[in-house]
Amino acid sequence: MTGIGTRHVRYLMTPTGWEALGSATRASIENTIHLYTETREQIRRSLGILSQRCAIHPTGEKRVVFFGAGDVAEIAYVSLQRTDLTLIGVVDDRRSGRFFEVAISSPEVLSVHGLNGVAYSHVIVATVRHTETIQARVTQRGIPPDRVFCL
């Protein structure tokens, strides 16, 4: 290791060091993939349980809304594709724009009757941070606790 400036360091690696770095990188990637796969399957199972409780809209859909548009919501979206649930909207405090092909809305447009006038069965809290706070905020909007589902 040699210094090349105030905050910069250069590592001089031996072939054995490169091999060790490669092995550690592969192990880290394998662990990340395993964690993602396990998380996706756990979320898919949870969504399957929700599907059994979900009301069927006159169109034949089981409509849900995500509260959250982050990493957990992305995994939940992938998992949702293997269920009979239909994502009709996403609510998020900090993000706007689109979440895959679905518009992201402000929490203020979420009501017991619908999201932007579109009826839904359940709100899925699609995050692992601040779930209790989000649940409380959703129920303050008049949505019954039995219509709020945390992953």
N, C-alpha and C. Protein backbone atom coordinates (compact mmCIF):
# COMPACT_ATOMS: atom_id res chain seq x y z
N MET A 1 0.86 -1.16 0.00
CA MET A 1 0.00 0.00 0.00
C MET A 1 0.91 1.23 0.00
N THR A 2 0.62 2.17 -0.89
CA THR A 2 1.42 3.39 -0.95
C THR A 2 0.51 4.60 -0.99
N GLY A 3 0.97 5.68 -0.38
CA GLY A 3 0.19 6.91 -0.40
C GLY A 3 0.43 7.66 -1.70
N ILE A 4 -0.66 8.19 -2.31
CA ILE A 4 -0.50 8.96 -3.55
C ILE A 4 -1.23 10.30 -3.44
N GLY A 5 -1.41 10.75 -2.25
CA GLY A 5 -2.08 12.02 -2.05
C GLY A 5 -2.67 12.07 -0.66
N THR A 6 -3.39 13.14 -0.39
CA THR A 6 -3.94 13.35 0.94
C THR A 6 -4.90 12.25 1.36
N ARG A 7 -5.84 11.91 0.49
CA ARG A 7 -6.86 10.92 0.85
C ARG A 7 -6.85 9.70 -0.06
N HIS A 8 -5.83 9.54 -0.82
CA HIS A 8 -5.81 8.44 -1.79
C HIS A 8 -4.73 7.44 -1.42
N VAL A 9 -5.07 6.20 -1.63
CA VAL A 9 -4.15 5.11 -1.36
C VAL A 9 -4.16 4.19 -2.57
N ARG A 10 -3.01 3.68 -2.92
CA ARG A 10 -2.92 2.72 -4.01
C ARG A 10 -2.44 1.39 -3.44
N TYR A 11 -3.16 0.34 -3.81
CA TYR A 11 -2.80 -0.99 -3.35
C TYR A 11 -2.00 -1.68 -4.45
N LEU A 12 -0.91 -2.26 -4.08
CA LEU A 12 -0.11 -3.06 -5.00
C LEU A 12 -0.37 -4.51 -4.64
N MET A 13 -1.03 -5.23 -5.56
CA MET A 13 -1.51 -6.57 -5.24
C MET A 13 -0.58 -7.63 -5.86
N THR A 14 -0.37 -8.66 -5.07
CA THR A 14 0.33 -9.83 -5.58
C THR A 14 -0.69 -10.71 -6.28
N PRO A 15 -0.26 -11.66 -7.09
CA PRO A 15 -1.22 -12.59 -7.70
C PRO A 15 -2.07 -13.32 -6.66
N THR A 16 -1.49 -13.67 -5.54
CA THR A 16 -2.25 -14.33 -4.47
C THR A 16 -3.29 -13.37 -3.89
N GLY A 17 -2.92 -12.10 -3.76
CA GLY A 17 -3.85 -11.09 -3.28
C GLY A 17 -5.03 -10.91 -4.22
N TRP A 18 -4.74 -10.88 -5.54
CA TRP A 18 -5.83 -10.76 -6.53
C TRP A 18 -6.76 -11.96 -6.45
N GLU A 19 -6.17 -13.15 -6.25
CA GLU A 19 -6.99 -14.36 -6.11
C GLU A 19 -7.89 -14.28 -4.88
N ALA A 20 -7.34 -13.82 -3.77
CA ALA A 20 -8.12 -13.68 -2.54
C ALA A 20 -9.23 -12.64 -2.72
N LEU A 21 -8.91 -11.53 -3.37
CA LEU A 21 -9.91 -10.50 -3.63
C LEU A 21 -11.02 -11.04 -4.52
N GLY A 22 -10.66 -11.81 -5.54
CA GLY A 22 -11.66 -12.41 -6.43
C GLY A 22 -12.56 -13.37 -5.68
N SER A 23 -11.97 -14.19 -4.82
CA SER A 23 -12.77 -15.14 -4.02
C SER A 23 -13.72 -14.41 -3.08
N ALA A 24 -13.24 -13.37 -2.43
CA ALA A 24 -14.07 -12.60 -1.51
C ALA A 24 -15.20 -11.90 -2.27
N THR A 25 -14.91 -11.38 -3.45
CA THR A 25 -15.93 -10.72 -4.27
C THR A 25 -16.99 -11.71 -4.70
N ARG A 26 -16.58 -12.88 -5.16
CA ARG A 26 -17.54 -13.92 -5.56
C ARG A 26 -18.43 -14.34 -4.39
N ALA A 27 -17.82 -14.53 -3.23
CA ALA A 27 -18.59 -14.92 -2.04
C ALA A 27 -19.60 -13.83 -1.67
N SER A 28 -19.19 -12.58 -1.77
CA SER A 28 -20.09 -11.47 -1.47
C SER A 28 -21.26 -11.42 -2.46
N ILE A 29 -20.98 -11.61 -3.73
CA ILE A 29 -22.04 -11.61 -4.75
C ILE A 29 -22.99 -12.78 -4.52
N GLU A 30 -22.46 -13.97 -4.25
CA GLU A 30 -23.31 -15.12 -3.97
C GLU A 30 -24.20 -14.89 -2.76
N ASN A 31 -23.65 -14.28 -1.72
CA ASN A 31 -24.43 -13.97 -0.52
C ASN A 31 -25.54 -12.97 -0.84
N THR A 32 -25.23 -11.96 -1.63
CA THR A 32 -26.22 -10.95 -2.00
C THR A 32 -27.35 -11.58 -2.82
N ILE A 33 -27.01 -12.43 -3.76
CA ILE A 33 -28.02 -13.11 -4.57
C ILE A 33 -28.89 -14.01 -3.70
N HIS A 34 -28.27 -14.73 -2.79
CA HIS A 34 -29.02 -15.60 -1.88
C HIS A 34 -29.99 -14.78 -1.02
N LEU A 35 -29.51 -13.66 -0.48
CA LEU A 35 -30.36 -12.79 0.34
C LEU A 35 -31.53 -12.24 -0.48
N TYR A 36 -31.24 -11.79 -1.71
CA TYR A 36 -32.31 -11.28 -2.59
C TYR A 36 -33.35 -12.37 -2.86
N THR A 37 -32.89 -13.57 -3.20
CA THR A 37 -33.80 -14.68 -3.51
C THR A 37 -34.67 -15.03 -2.31
N GLU A 38 -34.06 -15.12 -1.14
CA GLU A 38 -34.82 -15.43 0.08
C GLU A 38 -35.84 -14.33 0.38
N THR A 39 -35.42 -13.09 0.24
CA THR A 39 -36.33 -11.97 0.50
C THR A 39 -37.49 -11.98 -0.48
N ARG A 40 -37.20 -12.19 -1.75
CA ARG A 40 -38.25 -12.24 -2.78
C ARG A 40 -39.25 -13.34 -2.48
N GLU A 41 -38.79 -14.52 -2.11
CA GLU A 41 -39.69 -15.63 -1.82
C GLU A 41 -40.51 -15.39 -0.55
N GLN A 42 -39.90 -14.78 0.45
CA GLN A 42 -40.65 -14.46 1.67
C GLN A 42 -41.74 -13.43 1.36
N ILE A 43 -41.42 -12.43 0.57
CA ILE A 43 -42.43 -11.43 0.19
C ILE A 43 -43.51 -12.08 -0.66
N ARG A 44 -43.14 -12.97 -1.57
CA ARG A 44 -44.13 -13.65 -2.41
C ARG A 44 -45.10 -14.46 -1.55
N ARG A 45 -44.58 -15.15 -0.53
CA ARG A 45 -45.45 -15.91 0.38
C ARG A 45 -46.39 -14.97 1.13
N SER A 46 -45.87 -13.85 1.60
CA SER A 46 -46.71 -12.87 2.30
C SER A 46 -47.80 -12.33 1.38
N LEU A 47 -47.45 -12.06 0.13
CA LEU A 47 -48.45 -11.57 -0.82
C LEU A 47 -49.49 -12.64 -1.13
N GLY A 48 -49.09 -13.89 -1.10
CA GLY A 48 -50.04 -14.99 -1.29
C GLY A 48 -51.06 -15.03 -0.16
N ILE A 49 -50.61 -14.80 1.06
CA ILE A 49 -51.51 -14.73 2.21
C ILE A 49 -52.47 -13.56 2.05
N LEU A 50 -51.94 -12.40 1.64
CA LEU A 50 -52.79 -11.23 1.42
C LEU A 50 -53.82 -11.50 0.33
N SER A 51 -53.43 -12.19 -0.70
CA SER A 51 -54.34 -12.47 -1.81
C SER A 51 -55.59 -13.21 -1.34
N GLN A 52 -55.44 -14.09 -0.36
CA GLN A 52 -56.58 -14.83 0.17
C GLN A 52 -57.57 -13.92 0.90
N ARG A 53 -57.07 -12.80 1.44
CA ARG A 53 -57.92 -11.87 2.18
C ARG A 53 -58.43 -10.71 1.33
N CYS A 54 -57.93 -10.61 0.12
CA CYS A 54 -58.19 -9.44 -0.73
C CYS A 54 -59.56 -9.51 -1.39
N ALA A 55 -60.28 -8.39 -1.34
CA ALA A 55 -61.58 -8.30 -2.01
C ALA A 55 -61.37 -8.25 -3.52
N ILE A 56 -62.30 -8.84 -4.24
CA ILE A 56 -62.23 -8.84 -5.71
C ILE A 56 -63.07 -7.67 -6.22
N HIS A 57 -62.43 -6.82 -7.01
CA HIS A 57 -63.10 -5.68 -7.64
C HIS A 57 -64.05 -6.20 -8.71
N PRO A 58 -65.11 -5.47 -9.08
CA PRO A 58 -66.03 -5.92 -10.15
C PRO A 58 -65.33 -6.26 -11.47
N THR A 59 -64.13 -5.71 -11.69
CA THR A 59 -63.36 -6.04 -12.91
C THR A 59 -62.70 -7.41 -12.81
N GLY A 60 -62.77 -8.02 -11.61
CA GLY A 60 -62.13 -9.32 -11.40
C GLY A 60 -60.73 -9.20 -10.82
N GLU A 61 -60.27 -7.99 -10.58
CA GLU A 61 -58.92 -7.77 -10.07
C GLU A 61 -58.91 -7.71 -8.54
N LYS A 62 -57.80 -8.08 -7.98
CA LYS A 62 -57.53 -7.88 -6.55
C LYS A 62 -56.54 -6.72 -6.50
N ARG A 63 -57.08 -5.52 -6.30
CA ARG A 63 -56.29 -4.29 -6.42
C ARG A 63 -55.59 -3.91 -5.13
N VAL A 64 -54.32 -3.55 -5.25
CA VAL A 64 -53.53 -3.13 -4.11
C VAL A 64 -52.74 -1.87 -4.44
N VAL A 65 -52.34 -1.17 -3.38
CA VAL A 65 -51.51 0.03 -3.48
C VAL A 65 -50.26 -0.21 -2.64
N PHE A 66 -49.10 0.17 -3.15
CA PHE A 66 -47.87 0.14 -2.36
C PHE A 66 -47.71 1.48 -1.67
N PHE A 67 -47.31 1.47 -0.41
CA PHE A 67 -46.85 2.67 0.26
C PHE A 67 -45.34 2.51 0.37
N GLY A 68 -44.62 3.21 -0.46
CA GLY A 68 -43.16 3.11 -0.54
C GLY A 68 -42.75 2.74 -1.94
N ALA A 69 -41.67 3.39 -2.42
CA ALA A 69 -41.19 3.14 -3.78
C ALA A 69 -39.69 2.90 -3.79
N GLY A 70 -39.20 2.27 -2.74
CA GLY A 70 -37.77 2.01 -2.63
C GLY A 70 -37.39 0.59 -3.03
N ASP A 71 -36.27 0.15 -2.49
CA ASP A 71 -35.72 -1.17 -2.83
C ASP A 71 -36.66 -2.31 -2.46
N VAL A 72 -37.25 -2.25 -1.28
CA VAL A 72 -38.17 -3.32 -0.85
C VAL A 72 -39.38 -3.36 -1.78
N ALA A 73 -39.87 -2.20 -2.18
CA ALA A 73 -41.01 -2.14 -3.10
C ALA A 73 -40.64 -2.75 -4.45
N GLU A 74 -39.41 -2.55 -4.88
CA GLU A 74 -38.98 -3.15 -6.16
C GLU A 74 -38.99 -4.68 -6.06
N ILE A 75 -38.51 -5.22 -4.95
CA ILE A 75 -38.55 -6.67 -4.78
C ILE A 75 -40.00 -7.14 -4.68
N ALA A 76 -40.83 -6.36 -3.97
CA ALA A 76 -42.25 -6.71 -3.85
C ALA A 76 -42.93 -6.68 -5.22
N TYR A 77 -42.55 -5.74 -6.05
CA TYR A 77 -43.14 -5.65 -7.39
C TYR A 77 -42.80 -6.91 -8.21
N VAL A 78 -41.56 -7.33 -8.14
CA VAL A 78 -41.15 -8.56 -8.84
C VAL A 78 -41.94 -9.74 -8.29
N SER A 79 -42.08 -9.82 -6.98
CA SER A 79 -42.82 -10.91 -6.35
C SER A 79 -44.30 -10.87 -6.70
N LEU A 80 -44.84 -9.68 -6.83
CA LEU A 80 -46.26 -9.49 -7.14
C LEU A 80 -46.62 -10.10 -8.50
N GLN A 81 -45.65 -10.16 -9.40
CA GLN A 81 -45.91 -10.69 -10.74
C GLN A 81 -46.29 -12.17 -10.71
N ARG A 82 -45.97 -12.85 -9.63
CA ARG A 82 -46.30 -14.28 -9.49
C ARG A 82 -47.54 -14.51 -8.65
N THR A 83 -48.35 -13.46 -8.49
CA THR A 83 -49.59 -13.57 -7.72
C THR A 83 -50.76 -13.10 -8.59
N ASP A 84 -51.96 -13.13 -8.03
CA ASP A 84 -53.14 -12.63 -8.74
C ASP A 84 -53.51 -11.22 -8.29
N LEU A 85 -52.57 -10.53 -7.63
CA LEU A 85 -52.80 -9.16 -7.19
C LEU A 85 -52.43 -8.18 -8.30
N THR A 86 -53.14 -7.05 -8.35
CA THR A 86 -52.88 -6.02 -9.35
C THR A 86 -52.49 -4.73 -8.65
N LEU A 87 -51.31 -4.22 -8.95
CA LEU A 87 -50.85 -2.96 -8.39
C LEU A 87 -51.48 -1.81 -9.18
N ILE A 88 -52.30 -1.00 -8.49
CA ILE A 88 -52.97 0.11 -9.18
C ILE A 88 -52.34 1.46 -8.88
N GLY A 89 -51.43 1.50 -7.92
CA GLY A 89 -50.78 2.76 -7.60
C GLY A 89 -49.73 2.60 -6.52
N VAL A 90 -48.88 3.63 -6.44
CA VAL A 90 -47.82 3.67 -5.45
C VAL A 90 -47.87 5.04 -4.78
N VAL A 91 -47.73 5.03 -3.47
CA VAL A 91 -47.71 6.26 -2.68
C VAL A 91 -46.32 6.37 -2.05
N ASP A 92 -45.76 7.56 -2.10
CA ASP A 92 -44.45 7.77 -1.47
C ASP A 92 -44.32 9.23 -1.07
N ASP A 93 -43.66 9.47 0.06
CA ASP A 93 -43.46 10.83 0.56
C ASP A 93 -42.38 11.58 -0.20
N ARG A 94 -41.34 10.87 -0.61
CA ARG A 94 -40.17 11.55 -1.17
C ARG A 94 -40.00 11.38 -2.67
N ARG A 95 -40.59 10.37 -3.23
CA ARG A 95 -40.39 10.11 -4.66
C ARG A 95 -41.62 10.51 -5.45
N SER A 96 -41.38 10.84 -6.70
CA SER A 96 -42.47 11.14 -7.61
C SER A 96 -42.11 10.54 -8.97
N GLY A 97 -42.99 10.68 -9.92
CA GLY A 97 -42.73 10.12 -11.24
C GLY A 97 -43.40 8.77 -11.39
N ARG A 98 -42.61 7.79 -11.83
CA ARG A 98 -43.16 6.47 -12.08
C ARG A 98 -42.38 5.41 -11.33
N PHE A 99 -43.10 4.37 -10.96
CA PHE A 99 -42.53 3.18 -10.34
C PHE A 99 -42.87 2.05 -11.29
N PHE A 100 -41.90 1.61 -12.08
CA PHE A 100 -42.15 0.74 -13.21
C PHE A 100 -43.19 1.43 -14.09
N GLU A 101 -44.34 0.84 -14.36
CA GLU A 101 -45.33 1.52 -15.21
C GLU A 101 -46.43 2.21 -14.41
N VAL A 102 -46.26 2.30 -13.09
CA VAL A 102 -47.30 2.84 -12.22
C VAL A 102 -46.88 4.23 -11.72
N ALA A 103 -47.83 5.16 -11.70
CA ALA A 103 -47.55 6.51 -11.21
C ALA A 103 -47.37 6.50 -9.70
N ILE A 104 -46.44 7.33 -9.24
CA ILE A 104 -46.23 7.53 -7.80
C ILE A 104 -47.04 8.76 -7.39
N SER A 105 -47.86 8.59 -6.35
CA SER A 105 -48.71 9.67 -5.87
C SER A 105 -48.29 10.09 -4.47
N SER A 106 -48.73 11.26 -4.09
CA SER A 106 -48.53 11.76 -2.74
C SER A 106 -49.51 11.06 -1.80
N PRO A 107 -49.13 10.85 -0.55
CA PRO A 107 -50.05 10.19 0.40
C PRO A 107 -51.38 10.93 0.57
N GLU A 108 -51.40 12.21 0.29
CA GLU A 108 -52.62 13.00 0.47
C GLU A 108 -53.76 12.55 -0.44
N VAL A 109 -53.46 11.87 -1.55
CA VAL A 109 -54.53 11.44 -2.46
C VAL A 109 -55.03 10.04 -2.13
N LEU A 110 -54.49 9.44 -1.07
CA LEU A 110 -54.92 8.12 -0.63
C LEU A 110 -56.09 8.28 0.34
N SER A 111 -57.18 7.61 0.04
CA SER A 111 -58.34 7.65 0.95
C SER A 111 -58.90 6.25 1.09
N VAL A 112 -59.85 6.11 1.99
CA VAL A 112 -60.50 4.82 2.20
C VAL A 112 -61.23 4.37 0.94
N HIS A 113 -61.63 5.31 0.11
CA HIS A 113 -62.40 4.99 -1.10
C HIS A 113 -61.53 4.67 -2.31
N GLY A 114 -60.29 5.17 -2.31
CA GLY A 114 -59.45 4.89 -3.45
C GLY A 114 -58.18 5.73 -3.47
N LEU A 115 -57.40 5.49 -4.49
CA LEU A 115 -56.19 6.27 -4.76
C LEU A 115 -56.44 7.00 -6.06
N ASN A 116 -56.51 8.32 -5.99
CA ASN A 116 -56.85 9.12 -7.16
C ASN A 116 -58.17 8.67 -7.78
N GLY A 117 -59.10 8.26 -6.93
CA GLY A 117 -60.42 7.85 -7.41
C GLY A 117 -60.51 6.40 -7.87
N VAL A 118 -59.42 5.66 -7.81
CA VAL A 118 -59.41 4.25 -8.23
C VAL A 118 -59.49 3.38 -6.97
N ALA A 119 -60.52 2.54 -6.91
CA ALA A 119 -60.73 1.69 -5.73
C ALA A 119 -59.64 0.62 -5.61
N TYR A 120 -59.34 0.27 -4.37
CA TYR A 120 -58.36 -0.77 -4.07
C TYR A 120 -58.83 -1.55 -2.86
N SER A 121 -58.23 -2.70 -2.64
CA SER A 121 -58.58 -3.53 -1.48
C SER A 121 -57.66 -3.27 -0.29
N HIS A 122 -56.34 -3.26 -0.53
CA HIS A 122 -55.37 -3.14 0.56
C HIS A 122 -54.23 -2.18 0.19
N VAL A 123 -53.68 -1.57 1.24
CA VAL A 123 -52.44 -0.81 1.13
C VAL A 123 -51.34 -1.72 1.66
N ILE A 124 -50.31 -1.92 0.86
CA ILE A 124 -49.17 -2.75 1.26
C ILE A 124 -48.02 -1.80 1.64
N VAL A 125 -47.60 -1.86 2.89
CA VAL A 125 -46.46 -1.06 3.32
C VAL A 125 -45.22 -1.78 2.78
N ALA A 126 -44.65 -1.22 1.72
CA ALA A 126 -43.57 -1.87 0.99
C ALA A 126 -42.21 -1.28 1.38
N THR A 127 -41.94 -1.33 2.66
CA THR A 127 -40.67 -0.88 3.20
C THR A 127 -40.45 -1.59 4.52
N VAL A 128 -39.23 -1.60 5.00
CA VAL A 128 -38.96 -2.19 6.31
C VAL A 128 -38.64 -1.11 7.33
N ARG A 129 -38.52 0.12 6.87
CA ARG A 129 -38.24 1.24 7.77
C ARG A 129 -39.53 1.97 8.10
N HIS A 130 -39.67 2.35 9.34
CA HIS A 130 -40.78 3.21 9.79
C HIS A 130 -42.16 2.59 9.52
N THR A 131 -42.27 1.27 9.56
CA THR A 131 -43.56 0.64 9.23
C THR A 131 -44.66 1.05 10.18
N GLU A 132 -44.35 1.15 11.48
CA GLU A 132 -45.38 1.55 12.44
C GLU A 132 -45.87 2.97 12.17
N THR A 133 -44.95 3.85 11.86
CA THR A 133 -45.32 5.24 11.55
C THR A 133 -46.18 5.30 10.31
N ILE A 134 -45.82 4.54 9.28
CA ILE A 134 -46.59 4.53 8.04
C ILE A 134 -47.98 3.95 8.30
N GLN A 135 -48.04 2.85 9.05
CA GLN A 135 -49.35 2.27 9.40
C GLN A 135 -50.23 3.30 10.09
N ALA A 136 -49.68 4.02 11.04
CA ALA A 136 -50.44 5.04 11.77
C ALA A 136 -50.92 6.14 10.82
N ARG A 137 -50.07 6.56 9.92
CA ARG A 137 -50.45 7.62 8.97
C ARG A 137 -51.56 7.15 8.05
N VAL A 138 -51.48 5.91 7.61
CA VAL A 138 -52.51 5.37 6.71
C VAL A 138 -53.84 5.26 7.45
N THR A 139 -53.82 4.77 8.67
CA THR A 139 -55.08 4.64 9.41
C THR A 139 -55.65 6.01 9.77
N GLN A 140 -54.78 7.01 9.96
CA GLN A 140 -55.27 8.38 10.19
C GLN A 140 -56.03 8.92 8.98
N ARG A 141 -55.76 8.36 7.82
CA ARG A 141 -56.46 8.78 6.60
C ARG A 141 -57.80 8.06 6.47
N GLY A 142 -58.18 7.30 7.52
CA GLY A 142 -59.48 6.64 7.54
C GLY A 142 -59.49 5.23 7.01
N ILE A 143 -58.33 4.71 6.69
CA ILE A 143 -58.24 3.35 6.15
C ILE A 143 -58.16 2.38 7.33
N PRO A 144 -59.07 1.42 7.40
CA PRO A 144 -59.08 0.49 8.54
C PRO A 144 -57.78 -0.32 8.61
N PRO A 145 -57.31 -0.61 9.83
CA PRO A 145 -56.07 -1.37 9.99
C PRO A 145 -56.08 -2.72 9.27
N ASP A 146 -57.26 -3.35 9.12
CA ASP A 146 -57.29 -4.65 8.45
C ASP A 146 -57.10 -4.52 6.93
N ARG A 147 -57.05 -3.30 6.42
CA ARG A 147 -56.78 -3.06 5.01
C ARG A 147 -55.35 -2.59 4.77
N VAL A 148 -54.54 -2.61 5.83
CA VAL A 148 -53.13 -2.21 5.76
C VAL A 148 -52.29 -3.45 6.02
N PHE A 149 -51.41 -3.77 5.08
CA PHE A 149 -50.63 -5.01 5.16
C PHE A 149 -49.15 -4.66 5.12
N CYS A 150 -48.41 -5.10 6.12
CA CYS A 150 -46.96 -4.88 6.15
C CYS A 150 -46.22 -6.12 5.69
N LEU A 151 -45.23 -5.92 4.86
CA LEU A 151 -44.43 -7.04 4.38
C LEU A 151 -43.50 -7.54 5.46
